[in-house]
């Protein structure tokens, strides 16, 4: 006799729990994963400076709410695309806007020092 009543209470509790989870504010989730803009910029620039294909070029990354704007100069479309791929792989980046320009005469900073 107590089993149907218990099952009803359990079902009501389960439905209430599921409804409260479904209506939790999305800002709580977004805030937990948020990385400050300056830190995200630093992480992207560090990633670009450790990758052999992009290291040495004058590249900058500016972040705003997960969106990263890449600027600077490289010597080929392949390196430009590689820089965007590297930036997109950094945790916290939600979008990459690639404004890197291609200049055939652009030289890496490390090449300039070696040739001086």
N, C-alpha and C. Protein backbone atom coordinates (compact mmCIF):
# COMPACT_ATOMS: atom_id res chain seq x y z
N UNK A 1 0.81 -1.19 0.00
CA UNK A 1 0.00 0.00 0.00
C UNK A 1 0.86 1.26 0.00
N UNK A 2 2.01 1.22 0.61
CA UNK A 2 2.88 2.38 0.66
C UNK A 2 3.69 2.53 -0.63
N UNK A 3 3.78 1.51 -1.43
CA UNK A 3 4.60 1.54 -2.63
C UNK A 3 4.09 2.55 -3.66
N UNK A 4 2.78 2.59 -4.02
CA UNK A 4 2.33 3.59 -5.00
C UNK A 4 2.54 5.02 -4.51
N UNK A 5 2.34 5.27 -3.24
CA UNK A 5 2.52 6.62 -2.70
C UNK A 5 4.00 7.02 -2.78
N UNK A 6 4.88 6.09 -2.42
CA UNK A 6 6.31 6.34 -2.49
C UNK A 6 6.75 6.59 -3.93
N UNK A 7 6.23 5.81 -4.86
CA UNK A 7 6.57 5.97 -6.28
C UNK A 7 6.11 7.34 -6.79
N UNK A 8 4.96 7.79 -6.35
CA UNK A 8 4.45 9.09 -6.75
C UNK A 8 5.32 10.23 -6.23
N UNK A 9 5.74 10.11 -4.98
CA UNK A 9 6.61 11.13 -4.39
C UNK A 9 7.95 11.15 -5.10
N UNK A 10 8.48 9.96 -5.38
CA UNK A 10 9.77 9.86 -6.08
C UNK A 10 9.67 10.47 -7.48
N UNK A 11 8.57 10.22 -8.18
CA UNK A 11 8.38 10.78 -9.52
C UNK A 11 8.27 12.30 -9.47
N UNK A 12 7.54 12.82 -8.49
CA UNK A 12 7.40 14.26 -8.33
C UNK A 12 8.75 14.91 -8.02
N UNK A 13 9.52 14.27 -7.13
CA UNK A 13 10.85 14.78 -6.79
C UNK A 13 11.76 14.79 -8.02
N UNK A 14 11.73 13.72 -8.80
CA UNK A 14 12.56 13.62 -10.00
C UNK A 14 12.21 14.70 -11.01
N UNK A 15 10.91 14.93 -11.22
CA UNK A 15 10.48 15.95 -12.18
C UNK A 15 10.90 17.34 -11.71
N UNK A 16 10.81 17.60 -10.42
CA UNK A 16 11.21 18.90 -9.88
C UNK A 16 12.71 19.11 -10.05
N UNK A 17 13.48 18.07 -9.78
CA UNK A 17 14.93 18.15 -9.92
C UNK A 17 15.33 18.41 -11.37
N UNK A 18 14.70 17.69 -12.29
CA UNK A 18 15.01 17.87 -13.71
C UNK A 18 14.62 19.27 -14.18
N UNK A 19 13.51 19.78 -13.72
CA UNK A 19 13.07 21.11 -14.13
C UNK A 19 14.01 22.18 -13.60
N UNK A 20 14.49 22.01 -12.37
CA UNK A 20 15.40 23.02 -11.82
C UNK A 20 16.74 22.99 -12.53
N UNK A 21 17.20 21.83 -12.97
CA UNK A 21 18.46 21.74 -13.71
C UNK A 21 18.32 22.36 -15.09
N UNK A 22 17.19 22.14 -15.72
CA UNK A 22 16.98 22.66 -17.07
C UNK A 22 16.85 24.17 -17.08
N UNK A 23 16.42 24.77 -15.97
CA UNK A 23 16.21 26.20 -15.96
C UNK A 23 17.35 26.97 -15.31
N UNK A 24 18.49 26.31 -15.06
CA UNK A 24 19.61 27.03 -14.46
C UNK A 24 20.14 28.06 -15.44
N UNK A 25 20.52 29.24 -14.96
CA UNK A 25 20.93 30.31 -15.86
C UNK A 25 22.20 29.97 -16.63
N UNK A 26 22.23 30.24 -17.94
CA UNK A 26 23.41 29.94 -18.75
C UNK A 26 24.63 30.77 -18.35
N UNK A 27 24.41 31.92 -17.72
CA UNK A 27 25.55 32.75 -17.35
C UNK A 27 26.44 32.08 -16.31
N UNK A 28 25.87 31.18 -15.52
CA UNK A 28 26.67 30.47 -14.53
C UNK A 28 27.70 29.60 -15.24
N UNK A 29 27.28 28.92 -16.29
CA UNK A 29 28.19 28.05 -17.04
C UNK A 29 29.24 28.89 -17.75
N UNK A 30 28.83 29.99 -18.38
CA UNK A 30 29.77 30.83 -19.12
C UNK A 30 30.79 31.48 -18.19
N UNK A 31 30.37 31.87 -17.02
CA UNK A 31 31.28 32.53 -16.09
C UNK A 31 32.36 31.58 -15.60
N UNK A 32 32.00 30.31 -15.40
CA UNK A 32 32.96 29.35 -14.88
C UNK A 32 34.12 29.14 -15.85
N UNK A 33 33.87 29.23 -17.15
CA UNK A 33 34.92 28.98 -18.15
C UNK A 33 35.57 30.28 -18.64
N UNK A 34 35.15 31.42 -18.13
CA UNK A 34 35.66 32.70 -18.62
C UNK A 34 37.12 32.91 -18.21
N UNK A 35 37.90 33.33 -19.18
CA UNK A 35 39.30 33.69 -18.94
C UNK A 35 39.41 35.18 -19.22
N UNK A 36 40.01 35.95 -18.34
CA UNK A 36 40.15 37.39 -18.58
C UNK A 36 40.80 37.67 -19.93
N UNK A 37 40.36 38.75 -20.58
CA UNK A 37 40.83 39.09 -21.93
C UNK A 37 42.35 39.19 -22.02
N UNK A 38 42.96 39.87 -21.07
CA UNK A 38 44.42 40.05 -21.11
C UNK A 38 45.14 38.70 -21.01
N UNK A 39 44.64 37.82 -20.16
CA UNK A 39 45.24 36.49 -20.00
C UNK A 39 45.06 35.67 -21.28
N UNK A 40 43.89 35.75 -21.89
CA UNK A 40 43.65 35.01 -23.12
C UNK A 40 44.56 35.51 -24.24
N UNK A 41 44.74 36.82 -24.34
CA UNK A 41 45.67 37.38 -25.33
C UNK A 41 47.07 36.84 -25.10
N UNK A 42 47.49 36.82 -23.85
CA UNK A 42 48.83 36.33 -23.51
C UNK A 42 48.99 34.86 -23.89
N UNK A 43 47.97 34.06 -23.62
CA UNK A 43 48.04 32.63 -23.94
C UNK A 43 48.14 32.39 -25.45
N UNK A 44 47.35 33.15 -26.22
CA UNK A 44 47.39 32.98 -27.68
C UNK A 44 48.75 33.40 -28.21
N UNK A 45 49.27 34.53 -27.75
CA UNK A 45 50.59 34.97 -28.21
C UNK A 45 51.68 33.98 -27.82
N UNK A 46 51.57 33.39 -26.63
CA UNK A 46 52.55 32.38 -26.22
C UNK A 46 52.47 31.16 -27.13
N UNK A 47 51.27 30.75 -27.48
CA UNK A 47 51.11 29.60 -28.38
C UNK A 47 51.70 29.90 -29.75
N UNK A 48 51.49 31.11 -30.25
CA UNK A 48 52.05 31.50 -31.55
C UNK A 48 53.58 31.55 -31.51
N UNK A 49 54.12 31.95 -30.37
CA UNK A 49 55.57 32.07 -30.24
C UNK A 49 56.28 30.75 -29.97
N UNK A 50 55.54 29.72 -29.62
CA UNK A 50 56.17 28.42 -29.40
C UNK A 50 56.07 27.50 -30.62
N UNK A 51 55.20 27.83 -31.53
CA UNK A 51 55.02 27.02 -32.74
C UNK A 51 56.10 27.41 -33.76
N UNK A 52 56.88 26.45 -34.26
CA UNK A 52 57.96 26.77 -35.20
C UNK A 52 57.52 27.55 -36.44
N UNK A 53 56.33 27.26 -36.97
CA UNK A 53 55.89 27.94 -38.20
C UNK A 53 55.55 29.41 -37.98
N UNK A 54 55.13 29.77 -36.78
CA UNK A 54 54.71 31.16 -36.53
C UNK A 54 55.66 31.92 -35.61
N UNK A 55 56.57 31.23 -34.98
CA UNK A 55 57.53 31.87 -34.07
C UNK A 55 58.40 32.86 -34.84
N UNK A 56 58.64 34.01 -34.25
CA UNK A 56 59.54 34.99 -34.84
C UNK A 56 58.85 36.06 -35.66
N UNK A 57 57.60 35.84 -36.07
CA UNK A 57 56.88 36.88 -36.80
C UNK A 57 56.28 37.86 -35.79
N UNK A 58 56.11 39.09 -36.20
CA UNK A 58 55.52 40.11 -35.33
C UNK A 58 54.00 39.95 -35.36
N UNK A 59 53.48 39.06 -34.51
CA UNK A 59 52.05 38.79 -34.45
C UNK A 59 51.50 39.22 -33.10
N UNK A 60 50.32 39.80 -33.12
CA UNK A 60 49.65 40.22 -31.90
C UNK A 60 48.28 39.57 -31.82
N UNK A 61 47.84 39.33 -30.59
CA UNK A 61 46.51 38.78 -30.35
C UNK A 61 45.82 39.66 -29.32
N UNK A 62 44.66 40.16 -29.68
CA UNK A 62 43.85 40.95 -28.76
C UNK A 62 42.53 40.22 -28.55
N UNK A 63 42.21 39.97 -27.27
CA UNK A 63 41.00 39.21 -26.95
C UNK A 63 39.94 40.11 -26.34
N UNK A 64 38.69 39.79 -26.65
CA UNK A 64 37.55 40.45 -26.03
C UNK A 64 36.43 39.43 -25.93
N UNK A 65 36.16 39.00 -24.70
CA UNK A 65 35.09 38.04 -24.42
C UNK A 65 35.22 36.76 -25.25
N UNK A 66 36.42 36.25 -25.37
CA UNK A 66 36.66 35.00 -26.07
C UNK A 66 36.94 35.14 -27.55
N UNK A 67 36.68 36.32 -28.10
CA UNK A 67 36.95 36.56 -29.52
C UNK A 67 38.37 37.12 -29.63
N UNK A 68 39.19 36.49 -30.46
CA UNK A 68 40.58 36.90 -30.60
C UNK A 68 40.82 37.50 -31.98
N UNK A 69 41.39 38.69 -31.99
CA UNK A 69 41.76 39.36 -33.23
C UNK A 69 43.26 39.21 -33.42
N UNK A 70 43.65 38.57 -34.51
CA UNK A 70 45.07 38.41 -34.83
C UNK A 70 45.49 39.49 -35.81
N UNK A 71 46.62 40.12 -35.54
CA UNK A 71 47.18 41.13 -36.44
C UNK A 71 48.68 40.90 -36.58
N UNK A 72 49.25 41.46 -37.61
CA UNK A 72 50.67 41.33 -37.84
C UNK A 72 50.94 40.96 -39.29
N UNK A 73 52.15 40.49 -39.54
CA UNK A 73 52.59 40.18 -40.89
C UNK A 73 53.28 38.82 -40.93
N UNK A 74 52.98 38.05 -41.97
CA UNK A 74 53.68 36.78 -42.22
C UNK A 74 54.01 36.73 -43.71
N UNK A 75 54.77 35.72 -44.10
CA UNK A 75 55.23 35.67 -45.48
C UNK A 75 54.43 34.76 -46.41
N UNK A 76 53.40 34.07 -45.89
CA UNK A 76 52.62 33.21 -46.78
C UNK A 76 51.21 32.98 -46.24
N UNK A 77 50.29 32.64 -47.14
CA UNK A 77 48.92 32.33 -46.72
C UNK A 77 48.86 31.10 -45.80
N UNK A 78 49.79 30.18 -46.01
CA UNK A 78 49.82 28.97 -45.17
C UNK A 78 50.15 29.31 -43.71
N UNK A 79 51.10 30.22 -43.52
CA UNK A 79 51.46 30.61 -42.15
C UNK A 79 50.32 31.41 -41.52
N UNK A 80 49.64 32.24 -42.31
CA UNK A 80 48.48 32.99 -41.83
C UNK A 80 47.40 32.04 -41.34
N UNK A 81 47.09 31.01 -42.13
CA UNK A 81 46.07 30.03 -41.75
C UNK A 81 46.51 29.23 -40.52
N UNK A 82 47.79 28.90 -40.46
CA UNK A 82 48.32 28.15 -39.32
C UNK A 82 48.17 28.97 -38.03
N UNK A 83 48.41 30.26 -38.10
CA UNK A 83 48.28 31.12 -36.92
C UNK A 83 46.83 31.11 -36.41
N UNK A 84 45.88 31.17 -37.31
CA UNK A 84 44.46 31.14 -36.92
C UNK A 84 44.11 29.80 -36.27
N UNK A 85 44.64 28.73 -36.81
CA UNK A 85 44.38 27.40 -36.27
C UNK A 85 44.98 27.27 -34.86
N UNK A 86 46.17 27.78 -34.67
CA UNK A 86 46.83 27.74 -33.36
C UNK A 86 46.00 28.53 -32.35
N UNK A 87 45.57 29.73 -32.74
CA UNK A 87 44.78 30.58 -31.84
C UNK A 87 43.47 29.91 -31.47
N UNK A 88 42.82 29.29 -32.43
CA UNK A 88 41.53 28.64 -32.17
C UNK A 88 41.66 27.47 -31.21
N UNK A 89 42.83 26.87 -31.13
CA UNK A 89 43.04 25.71 -30.26
C UNK A 89 43.31 26.10 -28.80
N UNK A 90 43.50 27.38 -28.53
CA UNK A 90 43.79 27.82 -27.16
C UNK A 90 42.48 27.79 -26.35
N UNK A 91 42.54 27.22 -25.17
CA UNK A 91 41.36 27.13 -24.30
C UNK A 91 40.83 28.52 -24.00
N UNK A 92 39.53 28.71 -24.16
CA UNK A 92 38.89 29.98 -23.89
C UNK A 92 38.58 30.79 -25.14
N UNK A 93 39.19 30.43 -26.27
CA UNK A 93 38.94 31.14 -27.52
C UNK A 93 37.65 30.61 -28.13
N UNK A 94 36.71 31.51 -28.40
CA UNK A 94 35.44 31.11 -29.00
C UNK A 94 35.37 31.45 -30.49
N UNK A 95 36.18 32.43 -30.90
CA UNK A 95 36.19 32.85 -32.30
C UNK A 95 37.53 33.50 -32.60
N UNK A 96 38.00 33.34 -33.84
CA UNK A 96 39.25 33.98 -34.27
C UNK A 96 38.93 34.85 -35.48
N UNK A 97 39.35 36.10 -35.38
CA UNK A 97 39.24 37.03 -36.51
C UNK A 97 40.66 37.30 -36.98
N UNK A 98 40.96 36.78 -38.15
CA UNK A 98 42.33 36.80 -38.65
C UNK A 98 42.56 38.00 -39.56
N UNK A 99 43.25 39.00 -39.04
CA UNK A 99 43.60 40.19 -39.82
C UNK A 99 45.09 40.24 -40.11
N UNK A 100 45.73 39.09 -40.05
CA UNK A 100 47.16 39.02 -40.37
C UNK A 100 47.34 39.28 -41.86
N UNK A 101 48.29 40.14 -42.17
CA UNK A 101 48.57 40.47 -43.56
C UNK A 101 49.75 39.64 -44.08
N UNK A 102 49.70 39.38 -45.38
CA UNK A 102 50.78 38.62 -46.01
C UNK A 102 51.69 39.60 -46.73
N UNK A 103 52.96 39.55 -46.37
CA UNK A 103 53.98 40.37 -47.03
C UNK A 103 55.13 39.44 -47.40
N UNK A 104 55.40 39.38 -48.66
CA UNK A 104 56.46 38.50 -49.14
C UNK A 104 57.80 38.87 -48.51
N UNK A 105 58.00 40.17 -48.26
CA UNK A 105 59.27 40.62 -47.70
C UNK A 105 59.30 40.59 -46.17
N UNK A 106 58.21 40.12 -45.54
CA UNK A 106 58.23 40.07 -44.07
C UNK A 106 59.20 38.99 -43.63
N UNK A 107 60.02 39.35 -42.66
CA UNK A 107 61.02 38.41 -42.17
C UNK A 107 60.80 38.21 -40.69
N UNK A 108 61.15 37.05 -40.26
CA UNK A 108 61.03 36.74 -38.84
C UNK A 108 62.01 37.58 -38.04
N UNK A 109 61.62 37.89 -36.82
CA UNK A 109 62.50 38.66 -35.93
C UNK A 109 63.80 37.91 -35.65
N UNK A 110 63.72 36.58 -35.50
CA UNK A 110 64.92 35.81 -35.20
C UNK A 110 65.87 35.77 -36.41
N UNK A 111 65.32 35.84 -37.64
CA UNK A 111 66.14 35.88 -38.85
C UNK A 111 66.86 37.21 -38.95
N UNK A 112 66.17 38.29 -38.57
CA UNK A 112 66.79 39.61 -38.62
C UNK A 112 67.98 39.69 -37.67
N UNK A 113 67.83 39.13 -36.47
CA UNK A 113 68.92 39.16 -35.50
C UNK A 113 70.12 38.34 -35.99
N UNK A 114 69.85 37.20 -36.60
CA UNK A 114 70.93 36.32 -37.06
C UNK A 114 71.68 36.95 -38.23
N UNK A 115 70.96 37.73 -39.05
CA UNK A 115 71.60 38.32 -40.21
C UNK A 115 72.29 39.64 -39.91
N UNK A 116 72.10 40.18 -38.73
CA UNK A 116 72.69 41.49 -38.38
C UNK A 116 74.14 41.39 -38.08
